[in-house]
């Protein structure tokens, strides 16, 4: 659990500043579950330059609560939380100083989104909150007011959690969670899980990830793990101490993230991926008459149009494509023998098998199939559901290479390739990822695909 904080102060000498406004959003990694926002009477004048910056003046604070009146609420909302702020050293120091004046030792683990951004989103022109979120397409209102800055920090932190491939932020947070009794632990864990699409992580007592999975309903899937009576499941139930999760908004992002993170983290209870998750692929060649031939074969190192999880699946999809694109069974290597194919007698084949249809006419339809189902040399964004109502996901492919997935607010126009690259969490372009994307696009033909021109690189 995290407490995302932003504080406005009077300015002045080091450790003599007073708080003028505070905003705290309690964040579970997916959504804000509690919040506290208040002006605070600092009992001292505000520096003129601060008034000009924030718009908060002495008259506004005359009837505001003093710090000791809001201190209890601050302790409650930040209890068992990691304190998150943009330039956390400043906000944490101000809070500790105010509590010391009351004779109370305020201690929390803290995370700085400036430091995390420099590590996870390198190469930005500026890491000040305003310029950084603008570059990343994150909306920011009421700049230099606690609530507006804290809301932007929540959205920035959410992006940083997605970009944290090593999962160090999650692991550290899990270590701080209070330990449950063994007999009630699994029940408590299930109570806190949502029924959303995403990736989930089982942690042991040390916070290490021991299992990774994905589901369109995380709570339902984890419940199945916890009620499974098989030996491996019972062993895992004894060892799991907590479950964290990451919302993805759609199944494609969940599949790709699960594929990458199992390989990267190698959890003890996940099967070692000794072979690719697809077995067959579709290849093309040109015969002596100039017709493009299609053929299903074993997936290998040779470049293919697309891949399939099994031979049966490949044949079923090919039959569907032959009908859709009016192709020839013989030129797709699904029928042997001399002479015309069987579909020619049914008038479903235009006669390419007996050189009756022109090469140009037949090949045009084959190329349409290839262009539709292969993203070799393509530059495109695949737009899908986001994690929230006002959000969309963007999957980036450049030069036929899968680059990663990011999220953007619906109010922000994604047109600049540099902004697109900055919001994208880089992911590995392995064959399993290629298969996952192509298979998902086949099954979800209504997805919005935005072509990108090579010149925008």
Protein backbone atom coordinates (compact mmCIF):
# COMPACT_ATOMS: atom_id res chain seq x y z
CA UNK A 1 0.00 0.00 0.00
CA UNK A 2 1.22 3.49 -0.84
CA UNK A 3 0.47 7.00 0.43
CA UNK A 4 1.12 9.48 -2.39
CA UNK A 5 1.82 12.86 -0.82
CA UNK A 6 2.28 16.45 -1.94
CA UNK A 7 2.89 19.36 0.42
CA UNK A 8 2.92 23.12 -0.13
CA UNK A 9 4.84 25.23 2.40
CA UNK A 10 5.41 28.83 3.46
CA UNK A 11 9.00 28.82 2.18
CA UNK A 12 11.73 30.35 4.30
CA UNK A 13 14.75 29.02 6.18
CA UNK A 14 15.59 25.31 6.11
CA UNK A 15 13.55 23.37 8.72
CA UNK A 16 11.60 26.49 9.63
CA UNK A 17 9.01 26.14 6.87
CA UNK A 18 5.37 25.55 7.76
CA UNK A 19 2.80 23.49 5.86
CA UNK A 20 0.12 25.49 4.02
CA UNK A 21 -1.58 22.63 2.17
CA UNK A 22 -1.36 18.84 2.14
CA UNK A 23 -2.86 16.15 -0.09
CA UNK A 24 -2.53 12.41 0.53
CA UNK A 25 -3.93 9.71 -1.75
CA UNK A 26 -3.88 6.15 -0.39
CA UNK A 27 -3.10 4.00 -3.44
CA UNK A 28 -3.22 0.20 -3.67
CA UNK A 29 -1.29 -0.01 -6.94
CA UNK A 30 -4.48 0.06 -9.00
CA UNK A 31 -6.73 2.80 -7.65
CA UNK A 32 -7.03 5.43 -4.92
CA UNK A 33 -8.92 3.94 -1.96
CA UNK A 34 -8.76 6.89 0.47
CA UNK A 35 -7.74 10.53 0.40
CA UNK A 36 -7.07 13.49 2.65
CA UNK A 37 -6.80 17.07 1.35
CA UNK A 38 -6.63 20.14 3.52
CA UNK A 39 -5.30 23.67 3.81
CA UNK A 40 -3.22 24.09 6.98
CA UNK A 41 -2.67 27.20 9.08
CA UNK A 42 1.14 27.35 9.43
CA UNK A 43 0.95 30.03 12.14
CA UNK A 44 3.56 32.06 10.26
CA UNK A 45 3.51 34.28 7.15
CA UNK A 46 3.94 32.88 3.65
CA UNK A 47 6.88 34.09 1.55
CA UNK A 48 5.69 36.40 -1.28
CA UNK A 49 7.26 34.26 -4.03
CA UNK A 50 5.34 31.23 -2.69
CA UNK A 51 2.07 33.18 -2.83
CA UNK A 52 2.76 33.99 -6.48
CA UNK A 53 3.65 30.35 -7.20
CA UNK A 54 0.77 28.57 -5.44
CA UNK A 55 -1.93 31.21 -5.17
CA UNK A 56 -2.27 30.38 -1.46
CA UNK A 57 -2.19 33.53 0.71
CA UNK A 58 -2.31 34.27 4.42
CA UNK A 59 -6.01 35.25 4.37
CA UNK A 60 -6.96 31.84 2.92
CA UNK A 61 -5.32 30.08 5.86
CA UNK A 62 -6.63 32.19 8.73
CA UNK A 63 -9.47 29.76 9.53
CA UNK A 64 -7.74 26.59 8.28
CA UNK A 65 -6.93 23.82 10.82
CA UNK A 66 -3.52 23.93 12.45
CA UNK A 67 -1.16 21.00 11.93
CA UNK A 68 -1.86 19.39 15.32
CA UNK A 69 -5.56 19.25 14.32
CA UNK A 70 -4.86 17.17 11.20
CA UNK A 71 -1.89 15.15 12.53
CA UNK A 72 -3.98 12.17 13.65
CA UNK A 73 -5.61 11.84 10.22
CA UNK A 74 -2.18 11.94 8.54
CA UNK A 75 -0.91 9.15 10.81
CA UNK A 76 -4.00 7.03 10.10
CA UNK A 77 -4.01 7.34 6.30
CA UNK A 78 -0.25 6.67 6.03
CA UNK A 79 -0.20 3.74 8.47
CA UNK A 80 1.39 0.57 6.94
CA UNK A 81 2.08 2.54 3.74
CA UNK A 82 5.13 3.49 1.74
CA UNK A 83 5.26 7.28 1.41
CA UNK A 84 5.51 8.28 -2.27
CA UNK A 85 6.28 11.82 -3.44
CA UNK A 86 7.95 13.72 -6.25
CA UNK A 87 11.18 14.78 -4.48
CA UNK A 88 10.28 12.66 -1.46
CA UNK A 89 13.18 13.95 0.65
CA UNK A 90 11.49 17.35 0.82
CA UNK A 91 7.94 16.18 1.67
CA UNK A 92 9.15 13.54 4.15
CA UNK A 93 11.45 16.05 5.87
CA UNK A 94 8.64 18.60 6.21
CA UNK A 95 6.30 16.00 7.73
CA UNK A 96 8.93 14.71 10.16
CA UNK A 97 9.76 18.28 11.21
CA UNK A 98 6.10 19.12 11.91
CA UNK A 99 5.60 15.94 13.93
CA UNK A 100 8.80 16.57 15.91
CA UNK A 101 7.36 19.94 16.97
CA UNK A 102 4.49 17.93 18.46
CA UNK A 103 6.91 15.54 20.19
CA UNK A 104 5.98 12.64 17.89
CA UNK A 105 8.46 10.54 15.88
CA UNK A 106 6.93 10.07 12.41
CA UNK A 107 8.68 7.29 10.47
CA UNK A 108 7.67 5.79 7.15
CA UNK A 109 9.54 4.10 4.32
CA UNK A 110 9.61 6.49 1.35
CA UNK A 111 9.92 6.34 -2.44
CA UNK A 112 10.88 9.25 -4.67
CA UNK A 113 9.26 9.42 -8.11
CA UNK A 114 12.07 11.71 -9.32
CA UNK A 115 14.68 9.01 -8.61
CA UNK A 116 12.43 6.23 -9.95
CA UNK A 117 11.73 8.22 -13.13
CA UNK A 118 15.43 8.79 -13.80
CA UNK A 119 15.98 5.05 -13.49
CA UNK A 120 12.89 3.74 -15.32
CA UNK A 121 12.29 6.57 -17.85
CA UNK A 122 15.82 7.77 -18.69
CA UNK A 123 16.65 10.48 -21.19
CA UNK A 124 13.92 12.99 -20.30
CA UNK A 125 14.72 16.68 -20.82
CA UNK A 126 13.50 17.52 -17.31
CA UNK A 127 12.35 15.59 -14.25
CA UNK A 128 10.41 18.42 -12.66
CA UNK A 129 6.83 17.22 -12.15
CA UNK A 130 5.19 19.66 -14.58
CA UNK A 131 7.56 19.10 -17.49
CA UNK A 132 7.87 15.34 -16.92
CA UNK A 133 4.14 14.55 -16.85
CA UNK A 134 3.57 16.82 -19.85
CA UNK A 135 6.21 14.86 -21.80
CA UNK A 136 4.54 11.59 -20.78
CA UNK A 137 1.01 12.67 -21.71
CA UNK A 138 -0.21 12.68 -18.08
CA UNK A 139 -2.88 15.33 -17.40
CA UNK A 140 -2.01 17.90 -14.71
CA UNK A 141 -4.42 20.47 -13.32
CA UNK A 142 -3.92 22.93 -10.44
CA UNK A 143 -0.13 22.96 -10.77
CA UNK A 144 1.62 23.89 -7.49
CA UNK A 145 -1.47 23.00 -5.50
CA UNK A 146 -1.21 19.90 -3.33
CA UNK A 147 -4.21 18.02 -4.75
CA UNK A 148 -3.35 18.60 -8.43
CA UNK A 149 0.33 17.70 -8.00
CA UNK A 150 -0.50 14.63 -5.88
CA UNK A 151 -3.02 13.35 -8.47
CA UNK A 152 -0.41 13.71 -11.22
CA UNK A 153 2.12 11.90 -9.01
CA UNK A 154 -0.35 9.00 -8.57
CA UNK A 155 -0.63 8.64 -12.36
CA UNK A 156 3.15 8.93 -12.78
CA UNK A 157 3.74 6.31 -10.05
CA UNK A 158 1.24 3.98 -11.73
CA UNK A 159 3.29 4.24 -14.94
CA UNK A 160 6.51 3.61 -13.01
CA UNK A 161 5.04 0.46 -11.43
CA UNK A 162 4.30 -0.82 -14.95
CA UNK A 163 7.83 -0.02 -16.12
CA UNK A 164 9.46 -1.72 -13.10
CA UNK A 165 10.39 -4.98 -14.85
CA UNK A 166 12.49 -6.16 -11.90
CA UNK A 167 9.45 -5.69 -9.61
CA UNK A 168 11.68 -4.16 -6.92
CA UNK A 169 8.98 -1.65 -5.91
CA UNK A 170 6.45 -4.46 -5.36
CA UNK A 171 8.92 -6.69 -3.52
CA UNK A 172 9.90 -3.93 -1.09
CA UNK A 173 6.27 -3.01 -0.41
CA UNK A 174 5.35 -6.66 0.29
CA UNK A 175 8.08 -6.90 2.96
CA UNK A 176 6.41 -4.08 4.91
CA UNK A 177 2.97 -5.66 4.99
CA UNK A 178 1.93 -7.05 8.38
CA UNK A 179 2.30 -10.84 8.52
CA UNK A 180 -0.90 -12.92 8.70
CA UNK A 181 -1.55 -15.97 10.82
CA UNK A 182 -1.18 -19.15 8.75
CA UNK A 183 -4.77 -20.35 9.27
CA UNK A 184 -6.42 -17.10 8.07
CA UNK A 185 -3.77 -15.83 5.65
CA UNK A 186 -5.34 -17.03 2.38
CA UNK A 187 -8.78 -15.68 3.33
CA UNK A 188 -7.32 -12.24 4.07
CA UNK A 189 -5.41 -12.27 0.77
CA UNK A 190 -8.55 -13.07 -1.26
CA UNK A 191 -10.50 -10.25 0.41
CA UNK A 192 -8.10 -7.68 -1.01
CA UNK A 193 -8.00 -8.94 -4.60
CA UNK A 194 -10.08 -7.39 -7.42
CA UNK A 195 -11.98 -9.14 -10.21
CA UNK A 196 -10.04 -7.39 -12.98
CA UNK A 197 -7.82 -8.34 -15.93
CA UNK A 198 -4.12 -8.37 -15.16
CA UNK A 199 -1.06 -10.22 -13.91
CA UNK A 200 -0.73 -11.49 -10.34
CA UNK A 201 2.34 -12.40 -8.28
CA UNK A 202 2.61 -14.83 -5.38
CA UNK A 203 5.23 -13.76 -2.81
CA UNK A 204 6.83 -15.74 0.01
CA UNK A 205 7.57 -14.26 3.45
CA UNK A 206 10.76 -12.57 2.17
CA UNK A 207 8.83 -10.85 -0.62
CA UNK A 208 10.36 -12.99 -3.38
CA UNK A 209 8.11 -13.88 -6.32
CA UNK A 210 7.36 -17.62 -6.35
CA UNK A 211 4.60 -17.71 -9.00
CA UNK A 212 3.29 -15.46 -11.78
CA UNK A 213 -0.03 -15.82 -13.58
CA UNK A 214 -2.52 -13.82 -15.63
CA UNK A 215 -6.30 -13.78 -15.70
CA UNK A 216 -9.30 -11.83 -16.90
CA UNK A 217 -10.56 -12.11 -13.30
CA UNK A 218 -7.65 -12.11 -10.84
CA UNK A 219 -9.73 -12.81 -7.73
CA UNK A 220 -11.49 -15.79 -9.33
CA UNK A 221 -8.22 -17.27 -10.62
CA UNK A 222 -6.35 -16.89 -7.32
CA UNK A 223 -9.33 -18.48 -5.53
CA UNK A 224 -8.90 -21.50 -7.82
CA UNK A 225 -5.20 -21.69 -6.82
CA UNK A 226 -6.08 -21.56 -3.13
CA UNK A 227 -8.79 -24.25 -3.36
CA UNK A 228 -6.84 -26.63 -5.60
CA UNK A 229 -6.07 -29.96 -3.89
CA UNK A 230 -3.20 -31.07 -6.14
CA UNK A 231 0.22 -31.55 -4.54
CA UNK A 232 1.94 -28.62 -6.26
CA UNK A 233 -0.94 -26.28 -5.40
CA UNK A 234 -0.90 -27.35 -1.73
CA UNK A 235 2.85 -26.70 -1.52
CA UNK A 236 2.38 -23.26 -3.01
CA UNK A 237 -0.50 -22.48 -0.63
CA UNK A 238 1.78 -23.18 2.35
CA UNK A 239 4.51 -20.90 1.05
CA UNK A 240 2.55 -17.93 -0.29
CA UNK A 241 2.48 -15.03 2.16
CA UNK A 242 0.93 -12.32 -0.01
CA UNK A 243 -0.34 -11.65 -3.51
CA UNK A 244 0.30 -8.48 -5.48
CA UNK A 245 -1.12 -7.68 -8.87
CA UNK A 246 -0.83 -5.34 -11.81
CA UNK A 247 -3.88 -4.29 -13.80
CA UNK A 248 -3.43 -4.43 -17.57
CA UNK A 249 -6.93 -3.50 -18.77
CA UNK A 250 -6.95 -6.12 -21.53
CA UNK A 251 -5.95 -9.73 -22.08
CA UNK A 252 -3.25 -9.01 -24.70
CA UNK A 253 -1.23 -6.88 -22.30
CA UNK A 254 -1.69 -9.52 -19.57
CA UNK A 255 -0.50 -12.35 -21.87
CA UNK A 256 2.59 -10.41 -22.97
CA UNK A 257 3.50 -9.30 -19.45
CA UNK A 258 3.07 -12.83 -18.07
CA UNK A 259 5.23 -14.26 -20.86
CA UNK A 260 8.03 -11.77 -20.24
CA UNK A 261 8.02 -11.79 -16.46
CA UNK A 262 8.01 -15.57 -16.06
CA UNK A 263 11.13 -15.70 -18.23
CA UNK A 264 12.73 -12.77 -16.43
CA UNK A 265 11.93 -13.69 -12.82
CA UNK A 266 11.93 -17.52 -13.18
CA UNK A 267 9.56 -18.15 -10.23
CA UNK A 268 10.02 -21.57 -8.61
CA UNK A 269 6.40 -22.70 -9.18
CA UNK A 270 6.15 -21.68 -12.85
CA UNK A 271 7.10 -24.28 -15.43
CA UNK A 272 10.43 -23.57 -17.08
CA UNK A 273 9.73 -22.52 -20.67
CA UNK A 274 12.00 -24.99 -22.43
CA UNK A 275 10.32 -24.49 -25.78
CA UNK A 276 8.29 -21.87 -27.57
CA UNK A 277 4.57 -21.83 -26.83
CA UNK A 278 3.74 -22.14 -30.55
CA UNK A 279 4.57 -25.16 -32.71
CA UNK A 280 3.54 -24.36 -36.29
CA UNK A 281 3.84 -21.43 -38.66
CA UNK A 282 2.63 -20.26 -42.06
CA UNK A 283 5.27 -19.74 -44.74
CA UNK A 284 5.09 -18.46 -48.32
CA UNK A 285 7.06 -19.07 -51.52
CA UNK A 286 6.66 -18.47 -55.24
CA UNK A 287 6.26 -21.43 -57.64
CA UNK A 288 7.62 -21.75 -61.19
CA UNK A 289 4.47 -20.15 -62.60
CA UNK A 290 4.77 -17.07 -60.35
CA UNK A 291 1.91 -17.91 -57.98
CA UNK A 292 2.47 -17.26 -54.26
CA UNK A 293 2.12 -20.58 -52.43
CA UNK A 294 1.27 -20.86 -48.73
CA UNK A 295 2.34 -23.78 -46.55
CA UNK A 296 1.95 -24.79 -42.91
CA UNK A 297 5.15 -26.10 -41.37
CA UNK A 298 7.00 -26.52 -38.11
CA UNK A 299 7.87 -23.18 -36.50
CA UNK A 300 11.57 -22.52 -36.84
CA UNK A 301 14.15 -19.81 -37.26
CA UNK A 302 12.99 -18.97 -40.80
CA UNK A 303 10.73 -15.92 -40.96
CA UNK A 304 7.04 -16.83 -41.12
CA UNK A 305 3.84 -14.92 -41.85
CA UNK A 306 2.26 -15.94 -38.56
CA UNK A 307 2.36 -18.75 -36.00
CA UNK A 308 -0.07 -21.20 -34.41
CA UNK A 309 -0.22 -23.14 -31.15
CA UNK A 310 -0.90 -26.46 -32.92
CA UNK A 311 -1.22 -28.10 -36.35
CA UNK A 312 -4.96 -28.48 -35.84
CA UNK A 313 -5.32 -24.78 -35.09
CA UNK A 314 -3.22 -23.90 -38.14
CA UNK A 315 -5.38 -26.03 -40.46
CA UNK A 316 -8.62 -24.58 -39.05
CA UNK A 317 -7.41 -21.00 -39.53
CA UNK A 318 -6.13 -21.77 -43.05
CA UNK A 319 -9.51 -23.19 -44.08
CA UNK A 320 -11.15 -20.01 -42.86
CA UNK A 321 -8.65 -17.83 -44.77
CA UNK A 322 -9.00 -19.89 -47.97
CA UNK A 323 -12.73 -19.19 -47.92
CA UNK A 324 -12.34 -15.52 -46.97
CA UNK A 325 -9.67 -14.69 -49.56
CA UNK A 326 -10.94 -17.15 -52.20
CA UNK A 327 -7.64 -19.02 -52.37
CA UNK A 328 -6.76 -22.41 -53.84
CA UNK A 329 -6.38 -25.48 -51.60
CA UNK A 330 -3.59 -26.85 -53.80
CA UNK A 331 -1.58 -23.62 -53.72
CA UNK A 332 -2.06 -23.60 -49.94
CA UNK A 333 -0.69 -27.18 -49.78
CA UNK A 334 -3.86 -28.58 -48.21
CA UNK A 335 -4.70 -30.75 -51.22
CA UNK A 336 -2.52 -33.05 -53.34
CA UNK A 337 -2.86 -34.59 -56.82
CA UNK A 338 -2.86 -33.42 -60.42
CA UNK A 339 -5.35 -31.15 -62.12
CA UNK A 340 -7.71 -28.69 -60.49
CA UNK A 341 -8.57 -28.61 -56.79
CA UNK A 342 -11.94 -29.77 -55.46
CA UNK A 343 -13.11 -26.21 -54.77
CA UNK A 344 -12.71 -25.40 -58.46
CA UNK A 345 -15.52 -27.84 -59.26
CA UNK A 346 -17.65 -26.05 -56.65
CA UNK A 347 -16.76 -22.69 -58.26
CA UNK A 348 -15.08 -21.52 -55.03
CA UNK A 349 -11.61 -21.45 -56.63
CA UNK A 350 -10.94 -19.21 -59.64
CA UNK A 351 -8.57 -21.74 -61.23
CA UNK A 352 -5.09 -20.71 -60.13
CA UNK A 353 -4.36 -24.43 -59.67
CA UNK A 354 -4.67 -24.95 -63.46
CA UNK A 355 -3.27 -21.54 -64.48
CA UNK A 356 -6.76 -20.31 -65.38
CA UNK A 357 -6.68 -17.28 -63.05
CA UNK A 358 -4.03 -14.66 -63.71
CA UNK A 359 -0.99 -14.57 -61.45
CA UNK A 360 -1.58 -10.88 -60.68
CA UNK A 361 -5.20 -11.41 -59.62
CA UNK A 362 -4.46 -14.40 -57.37
CA UNK A 363 -1.31 -12.94 -55.80
CA UNK A 364 -3.11 -9.71 -54.96
CA UNK A 365 -5.44 -11.59 -52.59
CA UNK A 366 -2.56 -13.59 -51.08
CA UNK A 367 -0.61 -10.38 -50.41
CA UNK A 368 -3.71 -8.94 -48.74
CA UNK A 369 -3.71 -11.93 -46.38
CA UNK A 370 0.04 -11.58 -45.71
CA UNK A 371 -0.21 -7.84 -45.04
CA UNK A 372 -3.14 -8.39 -42.70
CA UNK A 373 -1.60 -11.15 -40.60
CA UNK A 374 2.13 -10.42 -40.61
CA UNK A 375 3.61 -7.32 -39.03
CA UNK A 376 7.04 -7.73 -40.65
CA UNK A 377 8.37 -4.26 -41.56
CA UNK A 378 5.18 -2.72 -40.16
CA UNK A 379 5.00 0.45 -38.04
CA UNK A 380 1.81 0.52 -36.00
CA UNK A 381 0.02 1.11 -32.72
CA UNK A 382 -2.55 -1.41 -31.51
CA UNK A 383 -5.09 0.42 -29.33
CA UNK A 384 -7.00 -1.59 -26.71
CA UNK A 385 -8.83 -1.09 -23.42
CA UNK A 386 -6.95 0.65 -20.62
CA UNK A 387 -6.97 -0.01 -16.89
CA UNK A 388 -9.55 2.72 -16.24
CA UNK A 389 -12.54 4.18 -18.11
CA UNK A 390 -10.63 7.27 -19.27
CA UNK A 391 -7.57 5.34 -20.45
CA UNK A 392 -6.42 3.30 -23.44
CA UNK A 393 -3.48 0.95 -23.93
CA UNK A 394 -1.05 1.31 -26.84
CA UNK A 395 1.09 -1.55 -28.18
CA UNK A 396 3.96 -0.29 -30.34
CA UNK A 397 5.48 -2.12 -33.32
CA UNK A 398 8.33 -0.47 -35.26
CA UNK A 399 10.13 -2.07 -38.23
CA UNK A 400 8.15 -5.22 -37.51
CA UNK A 401 9.61 -5.35 -34.00
CA UNK A 402 7.37 -5.40 -30.92
CA UNK A 403 8.61 -2.61 -28.62
CA UNK A 404 6.28 -2.73 -25.64
CA UNK A 405 2.99 -1.49 -24.16
CA UNK A 406 2.02 1.78 -22.49
CA UNK A 407 -1.10 3.63 -21.37
CA UNK A 408 -2.42 7.08 -22.19
CA UNK A 409 -5.28 9.27 -21.06
CA UNK A 410 -8.17 9.70 -23.51
CA UNK A 411 -7.86 13.48 -23.24
CA UNK A 412 -4.29 13.34 -24.54
CA UNK A 413 -3.74 13.08 -28.28
CA UNK A 414 -1.10 10.46 -29.07
CA UNK A 415 0.51 11.70 -32.27
CA UNK A 416 4.15 12.30 -31.37
CA UNK A 417 6.33 9.19 -31.70
CA UNK A 418 8.69 10.48 -28.98
CA UNK A 419 5.80 10.72 -26.51
CA UNK A 420 4.66 7.24 -27.56
CA UNK A 421 8.13 5.81 -26.91
CA UNK A 422 8.33 7.51 -23.49
CA UNK A 423 5.05 6.01 -22.22
CA UNK A 424 5.88 2.54 -23.53
CA UNK A 425 7.25 -0.03 -21.09
CA UNK A 426 9.92 -1.84 -23.16
CA UNK A 427 9.29 -5.56 -23.62
CA UNK A 428 11.28 -8.30 -25.30
CA UNK A 429 10.48 -9.07 -28.93
CA UNK A 430 10.79 -12.86 -28.74
CA UNK A 431 8.86 -15.40 -30.81
CA UNK A 432 6.40 -16.11 -28.05
CA UNK A 433 5.49 -12.41 -27.93
CA UNK A 434 5.07 -12.41 -31.73
CA UNK A 435 2.78 -15.43 -31.54
CA UNK A 436 0.72 -13.90 -28.71
CA UNK A 437 0.19 -10.66 -30.64
CA UNK A 438 -0.66 -12.32 -33.95
CA UNK A 439 -2.99 -14.83 -32.33
CA UNK A 440 -4.76 -12.08 -30.37
CA UNK A 441 -5.17 -9.89 -33.46
CA UNK A 442 -6.71 -12.85 -35.35
CA UNK A 443 -9.24 -13.36 -32.56
CA UNK A 444 -10.02 -9.67 -32.06
CA UNK A 445 -10.48 -8.21 -35.52
CA UNK A 446 -12.23 -5.07 -34.22
CA UNK A 447 -9.15 -3.71 -32.45
CA UNK A 448 -8.10 -0.24 -33.56
CA UNK A 449 -4.77 -0.33 -35.43
CA UNK A 450 -3.06 3.01 -36.14
CA UNK A 451 -0.42 2.84 -38.91
CA UNK A 452 2.78 4.81 -38.25
CA UNK A 453 4.95 6.05 -41.10
CA UNK A 454 8.68 5.17 -41.02
CA UNK A 455 9.45 8.91 -41.33
CA UNK A 456 8.08 9.51 -37.81
CA UNK A 457 10.81 7.39 -36.21
